[in-house]
Amino acid sequence: HRGYLINHKTVRRLMNQLDLKCLVRIKKYRSYRGKAGKIAPHLLKRDFKATRPNEKWVTDITEFHLFGEKLYLSPVLDLFNGEIIAYNMEKRPAFSLVKKMLDQAFECLHEEDSPILHSDQGWHYQMKKYQHLLKEHHIVQSMSRKGNCLDNAVMENFFGLLKSELLYLQEFESMEHFILELENYINYYNHRRIKGKLKGMSPVQYRIHSSVAA
């Protein structure tokens, strides 16, 4: 995008020479509390490729500790282009954290859409209220197998990027400041952060390009 053509292997070699490495990632939030409701089958089966928007979604919850406070982030990621299509943040991991996120995600659906929504076995996703909302909007539920974090590897990777590129690299004045920067990061991730597998485009650019090409 800036007019430089450099092979990714050259970038990796230069990073090694300069000792540029990703910072250590902290342990993720675990919402599993045992069987609290109905466990959905593992329908996604680590097939993270989607041929169109709103075909396969993934979700999870991550926790931040700052200034003696906790903040929980609950996003939905579309596997077609890696775009965060909906998210919600709250200071308690109550059901409303997930409910408000779903309300945003539902607005992305078209009449013909019936996506798979994959998650872990967290208690939010086992609740009847959650499962009823999915059925109401023709969404098929899928869950990771117990203790298999790789079953939701794309969502795990997004959380890792967010913490490596934002949480560990910036200093924040308050929790409110962090929330503002977190919202800015998600906007940057969707609109400006390019990916090799998206032909050098950002998630939003790729979705728009694919729509025009179709």
N, C-alpha and C. Protein backbone atom coordinates (compact mmCIF):
# COMPACT_ATOMS: atom_id res chain seq x y z
N HIS A 1 0.81 -1.21 0.00
CA HIS A 1 0.00 0.00 0.00
C HIS A 1 0.85 1.27 0.00
N ARG A 2 2.06 1.18 0.48
CA ARG A 2 2.97 2.33 0.53
C ARG A 2 3.97 2.31 -0.63
N GLY A 3 3.81 1.38 -1.56
CA GLY A 3 4.66 1.36 -2.73
C GLY A 3 5.91 0.51 -2.61
N TYR A 4 6.06 -0.23 -1.50
CA TYR A 4 7.23 -1.11 -1.32
C TYR A 4 6.82 -2.56 -1.57
N LEU A 5 7.59 -3.26 -2.37
CA LEU A 5 7.33 -4.68 -2.64
C LEU A 5 8.40 -5.50 -1.94
N ILE A 6 8.03 -6.14 -0.84
CA ILE A 6 8.98 -6.92 -0.04
C ILE A 6 8.38 -8.28 0.26
N ASN A 7 9.15 -9.32 0.00
CA ASN A 7 8.70 -10.68 0.28
C ASN A 7 8.54 -10.89 1.79
N HIS A 8 7.53 -11.66 2.19
CA HIS A 8 7.27 -11.86 3.62
C HIS A 8 8.45 -12.55 4.31
N LYS A 9 9.21 -13.37 3.55
CA LYS A 9 10.38 -14.02 4.14
C LYS A 9 11.47 -13.00 4.47
N THR A 10 11.58 -11.97 3.64
CA THR A 10 12.54 -10.90 3.91
C THR A 10 12.15 -10.15 5.17
N VAL A 11 10.85 -9.91 5.32
CA VAL A 11 10.37 -9.23 6.52
C VAL A 11 10.69 -10.06 7.75
N ARG A 12 10.47 -11.36 7.66
CA ARG A 12 10.75 -12.25 8.80
C ARG A 12 12.25 -12.25 9.14
N ARG A 13 13.11 -12.26 8.09
CA ARG A 13 14.55 -12.24 8.32
C ARG A 13 14.99 -10.94 8.99
N LEU A 14 14.44 -9.82 8.52
CA LEU A 14 14.79 -8.52 9.11
C LEU A 14 14.30 -8.43 10.55
N MET A 15 13.12 -8.96 10.81
CA MET A 15 12.61 -8.97 12.18
C MET A 15 13.51 -9.77 13.10
N ASN A 16 14.00 -10.91 12.60
CA ASN A 16 14.92 -11.73 13.41
C ASN A 16 16.22 -11.00 13.69
N GLN A 17 16.73 -10.29 12.66
CA GLN A 17 17.98 -9.54 12.83
C GLN A 17 17.83 -8.41 13.85
N LEU A 18 16.64 -7.80 13.85
CA LEU A 18 16.37 -6.68 14.77
C LEU A 18 15.79 -7.15 16.10
N ASP A 19 15.64 -8.47 16.23
CA ASP A 19 15.09 -9.07 17.45
C ASP A 19 13.70 -8.52 17.75
N LEU A 20 12.88 -8.40 16.73
CA LEU A 20 11.49 -7.95 16.88
C LEU A 20 10.59 -9.17 17.01
N LYS A 21 9.99 -9.33 18.18
CA LYS A 21 9.16 -10.50 18.44
C LYS A 21 7.88 -10.09 19.14
N CYS A 22 6.88 -10.93 18.99
CA CYS A 22 5.60 -10.70 19.68
C CYS A 22 5.81 -10.86 21.18
N LEU A 23 5.19 -9.99 21.97
CA LEU A 23 5.28 -10.10 23.42
C LEU A 23 4.45 -11.27 23.92
N VAL A 24 4.75 -11.75 25.12
CA VAL A 24 4.07 -12.91 25.70
C VAL A 24 2.59 -12.60 25.89
N ARG A 25 1.74 -13.57 25.58
CA ARG A 25 0.30 -13.39 25.73
C ARG A 25 -0.15 -13.93 27.08
N ILE A 26 -1.04 -13.20 27.74
CA ILE A 26 -1.50 -13.63 29.05
C ILE A 26 -2.57 -14.70 28.92
N LYS A 27 -2.81 -15.38 30.01
CA LYS A 27 -3.80 -16.45 30.05
C LYS A 27 -5.19 -15.91 29.78
N LYS A 28 -5.96 -16.62 28.96
CA LYS A 28 -7.28 -16.14 28.57
C LYS A 28 -8.33 -16.39 29.66
N TYR A 29 -9.43 -15.65 29.55
CA TYR A 29 -10.58 -15.83 30.44
C TYR A 29 -11.25 -17.16 30.14
N ARG A 30 -11.60 -17.90 31.16
CA ARG A 30 -12.29 -19.17 30.99
C ARG A 30 -13.71 -19.06 31.54
N SER A 31 -14.68 -19.22 30.66
CA SER A 31 -16.08 -19.10 31.08
C SER A 31 -16.72 -20.45 31.34
N TYR A 32 -15.94 -21.52 31.19
CA TYR A 32 -16.50 -22.86 31.40
C TYR A 32 -16.73 -23.11 32.89
N ARG A 33 -17.95 -23.50 33.25
CA ARG A 33 -18.30 -23.79 34.64
C ARG A 33 -18.94 -25.16 34.78
N GLY A 34 -18.62 -26.04 33.87
CA GLY A 34 -19.28 -27.33 33.88
C GLY A 34 -20.55 -27.26 33.04
N LYS A 35 -21.29 -28.33 33.03
CA LYS A 35 -22.50 -28.38 32.23
C LYS A 35 -23.62 -27.61 32.92
N ALA A 36 -24.02 -26.49 32.30
CA ALA A 36 -25.06 -25.65 32.87
C ALA A 36 -26.31 -25.64 32.01
N GLY A 37 -26.25 -26.32 30.88
CA GLY A 37 -27.38 -26.35 29.95
C GLY A 37 -27.08 -27.34 28.85
N LYS A 38 -27.55 -27.06 27.66
CA LYS A 38 -27.39 -27.98 26.53
C LYS A 38 -26.07 -27.71 25.80
N ILE A 39 -25.28 -28.77 25.58
CA ILE A 39 -24.04 -28.67 24.83
C ILE A 39 -24.34 -28.94 23.36
N ALA A 40 -23.95 -28.01 22.48
CA ALA A 40 -24.18 -28.18 21.05
C ALA A 40 -23.06 -29.02 20.43
N PRO A 41 -23.33 -29.70 19.32
CA PRO A 41 -22.30 -30.51 18.66
C PRO A 41 -21.21 -29.65 18.04
N HIS A 42 -20.05 -30.26 17.82
CA HIS A 42 -18.91 -29.57 17.22
C HIS A 42 -19.06 -29.62 15.70
N LEU A 43 -19.88 -28.71 15.15
CA LEU A 43 -20.19 -28.73 13.73
C LEU A 43 -19.11 -28.07 12.88
N LEU A 44 -18.41 -27.09 13.44
CA LEU A 44 -17.41 -26.37 12.65
C LEU A 44 -16.24 -27.27 12.26
N LYS A 45 -15.83 -28.14 13.18
CA LYS A 45 -14.78 -29.14 12.94
C LYS A 45 -13.49 -28.52 12.40
N ARG A 46 -13.14 -27.36 12.93
CA ARG A 46 -11.91 -26.63 12.56
C ARG A 46 -11.83 -26.29 11.08
N ASP A 47 -12.95 -26.26 10.40
CA ASP A 47 -12.99 -25.82 9.01
C ASP A 47 -13.25 -24.31 9.03
N PHE A 48 -12.17 -23.53 9.06
CA PHE A 48 -12.28 -22.08 9.25
C PHE A 48 -12.41 -21.30 7.95
N LYS A 49 -12.63 -22.00 6.84
CA LYS A 49 -12.79 -21.32 5.56
C LYS A 49 -14.28 -21.13 5.27
N ALA A 50 -14.61 -19.93 4.80
CA ALA A 50 -15.99 -19.62 4.41
C ALA A 50 -15.95 -19.01 3.01
N THR A 51 -16.96 -19.29 2.22
CA THR A 51 -16.98 -18.83 0.84
C THR A 51 -17.75 -17.52 0.66
N ARG A 52 -18.44 -17.09 1.70
CA ARG A 52 -19.22 -15.85 1.61
C ARG A 52 -19.45 -15.29 3.01
N PRO A 53 -19.79 -14.01 3.11
CA PRO A 53 -20.10 -13.44 4.43
C PRO A 53 -21.31 -14.12 5.05
N ASN A 54 -21.36 -14.15 6.37
CA ASN A 54 -22.49 -14.70 7.12
C ASN A 54 -22.72 -16.19 6.86
N GLU A 55 -21.63 -16.90 6.58
CA GLU A 55 -21.71 -18.34 6.44
C GLU A 55 -21.24 -19.04 7.72
N LYS A 56 -20.13 -18.54 8.29
CA LYS A 56 -19.58 -19.11 9.52
C LYS A 56 -19.09 -17.97 10.41
N TRP A 57 -19.60 -17.96 11.64
CA TRP A 57 -19.18 -16.97 12.64
C TRP A 57 -18.55 -17.71 13.82
N VAL A 58 -17.64 -17.02 14.52
CA VAL A 58 -17.09 -17.55 15.76
C VAL A 58 -17.15 -16.46 16.83
N THR A 59 -17.24 -16.89 18.08
CA THR A 59 -17.31 -15.94 19.19
C THR A 59 -16.61 -16.51 20.42
N ASP A 60 -16.27 -15.64 21.34
CA ASP A 60 -15.64 -16.02 22.61
C ASP A 60 -15.63 -14.78 23.49
N ILE A 61 -15.14 -14.93 24.71
CA ILE A 61 -15.04 -13.81 25.65
C ILE A 61 -13.61 -13.74 26.16
N THR A 62 -13.07 -12.53 26.24
CA THR A 62 -11.76 -12.36 26.85
C THR A 62 -11.85 -11.31 27.95
N GLU A 63 -10.91 -11.39 28.88
CA GLU A 63 -10.93 -10.56 30.09
C GLU A 63 -9.67 -9.70 30.16
N PHE A 64 -9.84 -8.44 30.58
CA PHE A 64 -8.72 -7.53 30.79
C PHE A 64 -8.69 -7.10 32.25
N HIS A 65 -7.48 -7.01 32.83
CA HIS A 65 -7.28 -6.52 34.20
C HIS A 65 -6.48 -5.23 34.12
N LEU A 66 -7.09 -4.10 34.49
CA LEU A 66 -6.40 -2.81 34.47
C LEU A 66 -6.92 -1.94 35.60
N PHE A 67 -6.00 -1.24 36.28
CA PHE A 67 -6.37 -0.27 37.30
C PHE A 67 -7.26 -0.89 38.39
N GLY A 68 -7.00 -2.14 38.71
CA GLY A 68 -7.79 -2.81 39.73
C GLY A 68 -9.21 -3.14 39.30
N GLU A 69 -9.48 -3.05 38.01
CA GLU A 69 -10.81 -3.34 37.46
C GLU A 69 -10.71 -4.46 36.43
N LYS A 70 -11.85 -5.02 36.09
CA LYS A 70 -11.93 -6.02 35.03
C LYS A 70 -12.85 -5.51 33.93
N LEU A 71 -12.50 -5.89 32.70
CA LEU A 71 -13.33 -5.56 31.55
C LEU A 71 -13.43 -6.82 30.68
N TYR A 72 -14.64 -7.10 30.21
CA TYR A 72 -14.88 -8.29 29.39
C TYR A 72 -15.29 -7.86 27.99
N LEU A 73 -14.67 -8.48 27.00
CA LEU A 73 -14.97 -8.21 25.59
C LEU A 73 -15.56 -9.45 24.96
N SER A 74 -16.71 -9.28 24.29
CA SER A 74 -17.39 -10.38 23.62
C SER A 74 -17.63 -9.99 22.16
N PRO A 75 -16.83 -10.50 21.22
CA PRO A 75 -17.02 -10.17 19.80
C PRO A 75 -17.55 -11.36 18.98
N VAL A 76 -18.02 -11.04 17.77
CA VAL A 76 -18.35 -12.05 16.76
C VAL A 76 -17.46 -11.79 15.56
N LEU A 77 -16.78 -12.82 15.09
CA LEU A 77 -15.88 -12.70 13.95
C LEU A 77 -16.42 -13.53 12.80
N ASP A 78 -16.47 -12.93 11.61
CA ASP A 78 -16.92 -13.63 10.41
C ASP A 78 -15.71 -14.32 9.77
N LEU A 79 -15.78 -15.63 9.62
CA LEU A 79 -14.65 -16.39 9.09
C LEU A 79 -14.40 -16.14 7.61
N PHE A 80 -15.32 -15.50 6.91
CA PHE A 80 -15.09 -15.20 5.50
C PHE A 80 -13.91 -14.26 5.31
N ASN A 81 -13.84 -13.23 6.16
CA ASN A 81 -12.78 -12.23 5.99
C ASN A 81 -12.11 -11.82 7.31
N GLY A 82 -12.48 -12.50 8.39
CA GLY A 82 -11.88 -12.17 9.68
C GLY A 82 -12.38 -10.88 10.30
N GLU A 83 -13.47 -10.35 9.79
CA GLU A 83 -14.00 -9.07 10.28
C GLU A 83 -14.76 -9.24 11.60
N ILE A 84 -14.55 -8.32 12.52
CA ILE A 84 -15.35 -8.27 13.75
C ILE A 84 -16.65 -7.56 13.40
N ILE A 85 -17.72 -8.33 13.27
CA ILE A 85 -18.98 -7.75 12.80
C ILE A 85 -19.84 -7.22 13.94
N ALA A 86 -19.51 -7.62 15.18
CA ALA A 86 -20.26 -7.14 16.35
C ALA A 86 -19.41 -7.36 17.59
N TYR A 87 -19.59 -6.51 18.59
CA TYR A 87 -18.89 -6.73 19.86
C TYR A 87 -19.58 -5.92 20.96
N ASN A 88 -19.35 -6.36 22.18
CA ASN A 88 -19.86 -5.64 23.35
C ASN A 88 -18.84 -5.75 24.47
N MET A 89 -18.75 -4.69 25.28
CA MET A 89 -17.84 -4.68 26.43
C MET A 89 -18.63 -4.35 27.68
N GLU A 90 -18.37 -5.08 28.76
CA GLU A 90 -19.00 -4.80 30.04
C GLU A 90 -18.02 -5.15 31.16
N LYS A 91 -18.28 -4.61 32.35
CA LYS A 91 -17.38 -4.83 33.48
C LYS A 91 -17.74 -6.08 34.29
N ARG A 92 -18.81 -6.74 33.90
CA ARG A 92 -19.17 -8.02 34.50
C ARG A 92 -19.54 -8.99 33.38
N PRO A 93 -19.19 -10.28 33.52
CA PRO A 93 -19.51 -11.24 32.46
C PRO A 93 -20.93 -11.78 32.55
N ALA A 94 -21.89 -10.88 32.69
CA ALA A 94 -23.29 -11.27 32.79
C ALA A 94 -23.82 -11.65 31.40
N PHE A 95 -25.02 -12.21 31.34
CA PHE A 95 -25.58 -12.63 30.05
C PHE A 95 -25.77 -11.46 29.11
N SER A 96 -26.00 -10.26 29.65
CA SER A 96 -26.18 -9.08 28.81
C SER A 96 -24.95 -8.81 27.94
N LEU A 97 -23.77 -9.23 28.40
CA LEU A 97 -22.54 -9.07 27.62
C LEU A 97 -22.69 -9.73 26.25
N VAL A 98 -23.25 -10.94 26.26
CA VAL A 98 -23.42 -11.71 25.03
C VAL A 98 -24.69 -11.29 24.30
N LYS A 99 -25.74 -10.98 25.03
CA LYS A 99 -27.03 -10.62 24.42
C LYS A 99 -26.90 -9.38 23.55
N LYS A 100 -26.25 -8.33 24.06
CA LYS A 100 -26.10 -7.10 23.29
C LYS A 100 -25.22 -7.31 22.06
N MET A 101 -24.22 -8.19 22.19
CA MET A 101 -23.39 -8.53 21.04
C MET A 101 -24.22 -9.21 19.95
N LEU A 102 -25.08 -10.16 20.36
CA LEU A 102 -25.93 -10.86 19.40
C LEU A 102 -26.88 -9.90 18.68
N ASP A 103 -27.43 -8.95 19.41
CA ASP A 103 -28.35 -7.98 18.81
C ASP A 103 -27.67 -7.23 17.67
N GLN A 104 -26.39 -6.89 17.86
CA GLN A 104 -25.63 -6.24 16.78
C GLN A 104 -25.41 -7.19 15.61
N ALA A 105 -25.04 -8.43 15.92
CA ALA A 105 -24.74 -9.40 14.87
C ALA A 105 -25.98 -9.70 14.02
N PHE A 106 -27.14 -9.75 14.65
CA PHE A 106 -28.37 -10.04 13.92
C PHE A 106 -28.63 -8.99 12.83
N GLU A 107 -28.18 -7.77 13.06
CA GLU A 107 -28.40 -6.70 12.08
C GLU A 107 -27.60 -6.93 10.79
N CYS A 108 -26.59 -7.80 10.84
CA CYS A 108 -25.78 -8.09 9.65
C CYS A 108 -26.42 -9.15 8.76
N LEU A 109 -27.46 -9.82 9.26
CA LEU A 109 -28.05 -10.93 8.52
C LEU A 109 -29.00 -10.45 7.43
N HIS A 110 -28.99 -11.20 6.33
CA HIS A 110 -29.97 -11.02 5.27
C HIS A 110 -30.97 -12.18 5.35
N GLU A 111 -32.05 -12.05 4.64
CA GLU A 111 -33.15 -13.02 4.76
C GLU A 111 -32.69 -14.45 4.46
N GLU A 112 -31.75 -14.60 3.52
CA GLU A 112 -31.34 -15.95 3.11
C GLU A 112 -30.22 -16.52 3.97
N ASP A 113 -29.68 -15.75 4.91
CA ASP A 113 -28.54 -16.19 5.72
C ASP A 113 -28.95 -17.13 6.84
N SER A 114 -28.13 -18.15 7.05
CA SER A 114 -28.32 -19.08 8.16
C SER A 114 -26.94 -19.56 8.63
N PRO A 115 -26.16 -18.68 9.25
CA PRO A 115 -24.77 -19.02 9.58
C PRO A 115 -24.64 -20.00 10.73
N ILE A 116 -23.48 -20.68 10.75
CA ILE A 116 -23.06 -21.41 11.94
C ILE A 116 -22.41 -20.40 12.88
N LEU A 117 -22.74 -20.45 14.16
CA LEU A 117 -22.08 -19.61 15.16
C LEU A 117 -21.38 -20.54 16.15
N HIS A 118 -20.05 -20.52 16.12
CA HIS A 118 -19.25 -21.43 16.92
C HIS A 118 -18.70 -20.74 18.16
N SER A 119 -18.67 -21.45 19.27
CA SER A 119 -18.15 -20.92 20.53
C SER A 119 -17.52 -22.08 21.31
N ASP A 120 -16.99 -21.77 22.48
CA ASP A 120 -16.58 -22.84 23.40
C ASP A 120 -17.82 -23.27 24.20
N GLN A 121 -17.60 -24.00 25.29
CA GLN A 121 -18.73 -24.48 26.09
C GLN A 121 -19.00 -23.57 27.29
N GLY A 122 -18.68 -22.28 27.17
CA GLY A 122 -18.93 -21.33 28.24
C GLY A 122 -20.40 -21.30 28.64
N TRP A 123 -20.64 -20.92 29.89
CA TRP A 123 -22.02 -21.00 30.42
C TRP A 123 -22.99 -20.10 29.67
N HIS A 124 -22.51 -18.98 29.14
CA HIS A 124 -23.41 -18.09 28.38
C HIS A 124 -24.04 -18.84 27.20
N TYR A 125 -23.20 -19.65 26.53
CA TYR A 125 -23.63 -20.31 25.29
C TYR A 125 -24.46 -21.56 25.55
N GLN A 126 -24.48 -22.02 26.80
CA GLN A 126 -25.32 -23.16 27.16
C GLN A 126 -26.73 -22.73 27.59
N MET A 127 -26.92 -21.45 27.79
CA MET A 127 -28.20 -20.97 28.32
C MET A 127 -29.32 -21.09 27.29
N LYS A 128 -30.51 -21.40 27.77
CA LYS A 128 -31.67 -21.51 26.89
C LYS A 128 -31.96 -20.19 26.19
N LYS A 129 -31.76 -19.07 26.89
CA LYS A 129 -32.03 -17.76 26.30
C LYS A 129 -31.14 -17.54 25.08
N TYR A 130 -29.88 -17.90 25.21
CA TYR A 130 -28.92 -17.74 24.10
C TYR A 130 -29.33 -18.63 22.93
N GLN A 131 -29.60 -19.89 23.22
CA GLN A 131 -29.93 -20.85 22.17
C GLN A 131 -31.26 -20.51 21.49
N HIS A 132 -32.19 -19.96 22.25
CA HIS A 132 -33.47 -19.54 21.67
C HIS A 132 -33.27 -18.38 20.69
N LEU A 133 -32.41 -17.43 21.06
CA LEU A 133 -32.13 -16.29 20.18
C LEU A 133 -31.52 -16.75 18.86
N LEU A 134 -30.63 -17.74 18.93
CA LEU A 134 -30.02 -18.25 17.70
C LEU A 134 -31.07 -18.91 16.80
N LYS A 135 -31.91 -19.75 17.39
CA LYS A 135 -32.95 -20.42 16.60
C LYS A 135 -33.92 -19.42 15.99
N GLU A 136 -34.22 -18.38 16.74
CA GLU A 136 -35.15 -17.34 16.28
C GLU A 136 -34.63 -16.65 15.02
N HIS A 137 -33.30 -16.60 14.88
CA HIS A 137 -32.69 -15.91 13.73
C HIS A 137 -32.03 -16.90 12.76
N HIS A 138 -32.44 -18.17 12.83
CA HIS A 138 -31.99 -19.22 11.90
C HIS A 138 -30.47 -19.39 11.92
N ILE A 139 -29.88 -19.30 13.10
CA ILE A 139 -28.45 -19.50 13.28
C ILE A 139 -28.21 -20.88 13.88
N VAL A 140 -27.27 -21.62 13.31
CA VAL A 140 -26.96 -22.97 13.76
C VAL A 140 -25.83 -22.91 14.78
N GLN A 141 -26.06 -23.48 15.96
CA GLN A 141 -25.05 -23.41 17.02
C GLN A 141 -24.05 -24.55 16.92
N SER A 142 -22.78 -24.20 17.16
CA SER A 142 -21.69 -25.18 17.21
C SER A 142 -20.83 -24.86 18.42
N MET A 143 -20.27 -25.89 19.05
CA MET A 143 -19.41 -25.69 20.22
C MET A 143 -18.12 -26.49 20.10
N SER A 144 -17.04 -25.93 20.63
CA SER A 144 -15.78 -26.65 20.72
C SER A 144 -15.93 -27.84 21.66
N ARG A 145 -15.08 -28.83 21.45
CA ARG A 145 -15.02 -29.93 22.40
C ARG A 145 -14.35 -29.45 23.68
N LYS A 146 -14.70 -30.03 24.78
CA LYS A 146 -14.16 -29.62 26.07
C LYS A 146 -12.63 -29.74 26.08
N GLY A 147 -11.98 -28.63 26.44
CA GLY A 147 -10.52 -28.63 26.56
C GLY A 147 -9.78 -28.55 25.25
N ASN A 148 -10.48 -28.22 24.16
CA ASN A 148 -9.84 -28.12 22.85
C ASN A 148 -9.89 -26.67 22.35
N CYS A 149 -8.96 -25.85 22.82
CA CYS A 149 -8.97 -24.43 22.44
C CYS A 149 -8.71 -24.23 20.95
N LEU A 150 -8.04 -25.20 20.30
CA LEU A 150 -7.76 -25.07 18.87
C LEU A 150 -9.03 -25.18 18.03
N ASP A 151 -10.11 -25.69 18.61
CA ASP A 151 -11.38 -25.76 17.89
C ASP A 151 -11.91 -24.37 17.58
N ASN A 152 -11.42 -23.35 18.28
CA ASN A 152 -11.84 -21.97 18.02
C ASN A 152 -10.58 -21.10 17.84
N ALA A 153 -9.64 -21.62 17.06
CA ALA A 153 -8.31 -21.01 16.94
C ALA A 153 -8.34 -19.61 16.33
N VAL A 154 -9.26 -19.34 15.43
CA VAL A 154 -9.29 -18.01 14.78
C VAL A 154 -9.65 -16.93 15.79
N MET A 155 -10.61 -17.22 16.65
CA MET A 155 -10.99 -16.25 17.68
C MET A 155 -9.86 -16.08 18.69
N GLU A 156 -9.21 -17.18 19.05
CA GLU A 156 -8.07 -17.12 19.97
C GLU A 156 -6.96 -16.26 19.36
N ASN A 157 -6.75 -16.39 18.06
CA ASN A 157 -5.71 -15.63 17.38
C ASN A 157 -6.04 -14.13 17.40
N PHE A 158 -7.30 -13.79 17.20
CA PHE A 158 -7.69 -12.37 17.25
C PHE A 158 -7.40 -11.79 18.63
N PHE A 159 -7.76 -12.51 19.68
CA PHE A 159 -7.49 -12.01 21.04
C PHE A 159 -5.98 -11.85 21.25
N GLY A 160 -5.20 -12.78 20.72
CA GLY A 160 -3.76 -12.68 20.86
C GLY A 160 -3.21 -11.45 20.16
N LEU A 161 -3.70 -11.18 18.95
CA LEU A 161 -3.26 -9.99 18.22
C LEU A 161 -3.64 -8.72 18.96
N LEU A 162 -4.87 -8.67 19.44
CA LEU A 162 -5.35 -7.49 20.15
C LEU A 162 -4.47 -7.17 21.36
N LYS A 163 -4.13 -8.21 22.12
CA LYS A 163 -3.33 -7.98 23.33
C LYS A 163 -1.88 -7.68 22.98
N SER A 164 -1.36 -8.33 21.94
CA SER A 164 0.03 -8.09 21.55
C SER A 164 0.21 -6.70 20.93
N GLU A 165 -0.77 -6.26 20.15
CA GLU A 165 -0.64 -5.01 19.41
C GLU A 165 -1.21 -3.80 20.13
N LEU A 166 -2.04 -4.03 21.14
CA LEU A 166 -2.63 -2.91 21.88
C LEU A 166 -2.28 -2.96 23.36
N LEU A 167 -2.74 -4.00 24.05
CA LEU A 167 -2.63 -4.05 25.51
C LEU A 167 -1.18 -3.95 25.99
N TYR A 168 -0.27 -4.67 25.33
CA TYR A 168 1.11 -4.73 25.80
C TYR A 168 1.99 -3.60 25.27
N LEU A 169 1.51 -2.87 24.27
CA LEU A 169 2.35 -1.87 23.62
C LEU A 169 2.03 -0.43 24.01
N GLN A 170 0.89 -0.21 24.64
CA GLN A 170 0.50 1.15 24.99
C GLN A 170 0.33 1.29 26.50
N GLU A 171 0.42 2.52 26.94
CA GLU A 171 0.12 2.83 28.34
C GLU A 171 -1.21 3.57 28.37
N PHE A 172 -1.99 3.28 29.40
CA PHE A 172 -3.34 3.84 29.48
C PHE A 172 -3.50 4.64 30.77
N GLU A 173 -4.27 5.70 30.69
CA GLU A 173 -4.45 6.59 31.84
C GLU A 173 -5.54 6.11 32.78
N SER A 174 -6.48 5.34 32.24
CA SER A 174 -7.63 4.87 33.02
C SER A 174 -8.31 3.76 32.25
N MET A 175 -9.27 3.10 32.87
CA MET A 175 -10.04 2.08 32.17
C MET A 175 -10.84 2.70 31.02
N GLU A 176 -11.34 3.90 31.23
CA GLU A 176 -12.10 4.59 30.18
C GLU A 176 -11.21 4.86 28.97
N HIS A 177 -9.95 5.23 29.24
CA HIS A 177 -8.99 5.45 28.15
C HIS A 177 -8.73 4.15 27.40
N PHE A 178 -8.58 3.05 28.13
CA PHE A 178 -8.36 1.76 27.49
C PHE A 178 -9.55 1.37 26.61
N ILE A 179 -10.76 1.57 27.10
CA ILE A 179 -11.96 1.23 26.33
C ILE A 179 -11.99 2.01 25.01
N LEU A 180 -11.64 3.29 25.07
CA LEU A 180 -11.59 4.11 23.86
C LEU A 180 -10.56 3.56 22.87
N GLU A 181 -9.38 3.21 23.38
CA GLU A 181 -8.33 2.68 22.51
C GLU A 181 -8.69 1.30 21.97
N LEU A 182 -9.42 0.52 22.76
CA LEU A 182 -9.88 -0.79 22.31
C LEU A 182 -10.86 -0.65 21.15
N GLU A 183 -11.77 0.28 21.26
CA GLU A 183 -12.71 0.55 20.16
C GLU A 183 -11.97 1.02 18.92
N ASN A 184 -10.95 1.86 19.11
CA ASN A 184 -10.14 2.34 17.99
C ASN A 184 -9.39 1.18 17.33
N TYR A 185 -8.90 0.25 18.16
CA TYR A 185 -8.15 -0.89 17.62
C TYR A 185 -9.06 -1.77 16.75
N ILE A 186 -10.27 -2.04 17.22
CA ILE A 186 -11.18 -2.88 16.45
C ILE A 186 -11.52 -2.22 15.12
N ASN A 187 -11.68 -0.91 15.14
CA ASN A 187 -11.92 -0.17 13.90
C ASN A 187 -10.71 -0.29 12.97
N TYR A 188 -9.51 -0.14 13.54
CA TYR A 188 -8.27 -0.30 12.76
C TYR A 188 -8.15 -1.71 12.21
N TYR A 189 -8.43 -2.71 13.03
CA TYR A 189 -8.34 -4.11 12.62
C TYR A 189 -9.27 -4.39 11.44
N ASN A 190 -10.48 -3.87 11.49
CA ASN A 190 -11.46 -4.11 10.44
C ASN A 190 -11.16 -3.36 9.15
N HIS A 191 -10.74 -2.10 9.29
CA HIS A 191 -10.66 -1.21 8.13
C HIS A 191 -9.26 -0.98 7.57
N ARG A 192 -8.22 -1.14 8.38
CA ARG A 192 -6.89 -0.76 7.93
C ARG A 192 -5.82 -1.84 8.03
N ARG A 193 -5.98 -2.80 8.93
CA ARG A 193 -4.94 -3.82 9.13
C ARG A 193 -5.00 -4.85 8.01
N ILE A 194 -4.00 -4.85 7.13
CA ILE A 194 -4.02 -5.73 5.96
C ILE A 194 -3.55 -7.13 6.33
N LYS A 195 -3.98 -8.11 5.52
CA LYS A 195 -3.61 -9.50 5.73
C LYS A 195 -3.18 -10.12 4.41
N GLY A 196 -2.12 -10.94 4.47
CA GLY A 196 -1.65 -11.62 3.28
C GLY A 196 -2.70 -12.52 2.66
N LYS A 197 -3.44 -13.26 3.50
CA LYS A 197 -4.43 -14.20 2.98
C LYS A 197 -5.66 -13.50 2.41
N LEU A 198 -5.78 -12.19 2.65
CA LEU A 198 -6.86 -11.40 2.06
C LEU A 198 -6.34 -10.57 0.89
N LYS A 199 -5.27 -11.05 0.26
CA LYS A 199 -4.67 -10.39 -0.91
C LYS A 199 -4.20 -8.98 -0.58
N GLY A 200 -3.67 -8.80 0.64
CA GLY A 200 -3.14 -7.50 1.03
C GLY A 200 -4.20 -6.47 1.36
N MET A 201 -5.43 -6.92 1.60
CA MET A 201 -6.52 -6.01 1.95
C MET A 201 -6.91 -6.18 3.41
N SER A 202 -7.59 -5.19 3.94
CA SER A 202 -8.17 -5.31 5.27
C SER A 202 -9.45 -6.13 5.17
N PRO A 203 -9.99 -6.60 6.30
CA PRO A 203 -11.24 -7.38 6.23
C PRO A 203 -12.38 -6.66 5.52
N VAL A 204 -12.59 -5.38 5.82
CA VAL A 204 -13.68 -4.64 5.18
C VAL A 204 -13.40 -4.44 3.69
N GLN A 205 -12.16 -4.10 3.34
CA GLN A 205 -11.80 -3.95 1.93
C GLN A 205 -12.04 -5.24 1.16
N TYR A 206 -11.68 -6.37 1.78
CA TYR A 206 -11.85 -7.66 1.12
C TYR A 206 -13.33 -7.98 0.90
N ARG A 207 -14.15 -7.69 1.91
CA ARG A 207 -15.60 -7.95 1.77
C ARG A 207 -16.19 -7.11 0.65
N ILE A 208 -15.82 -5.83 0.60
CA ILE A 208 -16.34 -4.95 -0.43
C ILE A 208 -15.85 -5.38 -1.82
N HIS A 209 -14.55 -5.72 -1.89
CA HIS A 209 -13.98 -6.18 -3.16
C HIS A 209 -14.67 -7.45 -3.66
N SER A 210 -14.92 -8.38 -2.75
CA SER A 210 -15.57 -9.64 -3.11
C SER A 210 -17.00 -9.41 -3.57
N SER A 211 -17.68 -8.47 -2.93
CA SER A 211 -19.05 -8.14 -3.31
C SER A 211 -19.11 -7.54 -4.70
N VAL A 212 -18.16 -6.65 -5.00
CA VAL A 212 -18.12 -6.02 -6.32
C VAL A 212 -17.77 -7.05 -7.39
N ALA A 213 -16.80 -7.93 -7.09
CA ALA A 213 -16.38 -8.96 -8.04
C ALA A 213 -17.52 -9.93 -8.35
N ALA A 214 -18.36 -10.20 -7.32
CA ALA A 214 -19.48 -11.13 -7.54
C ALA A 214 -20.54 -10.52 -8.42
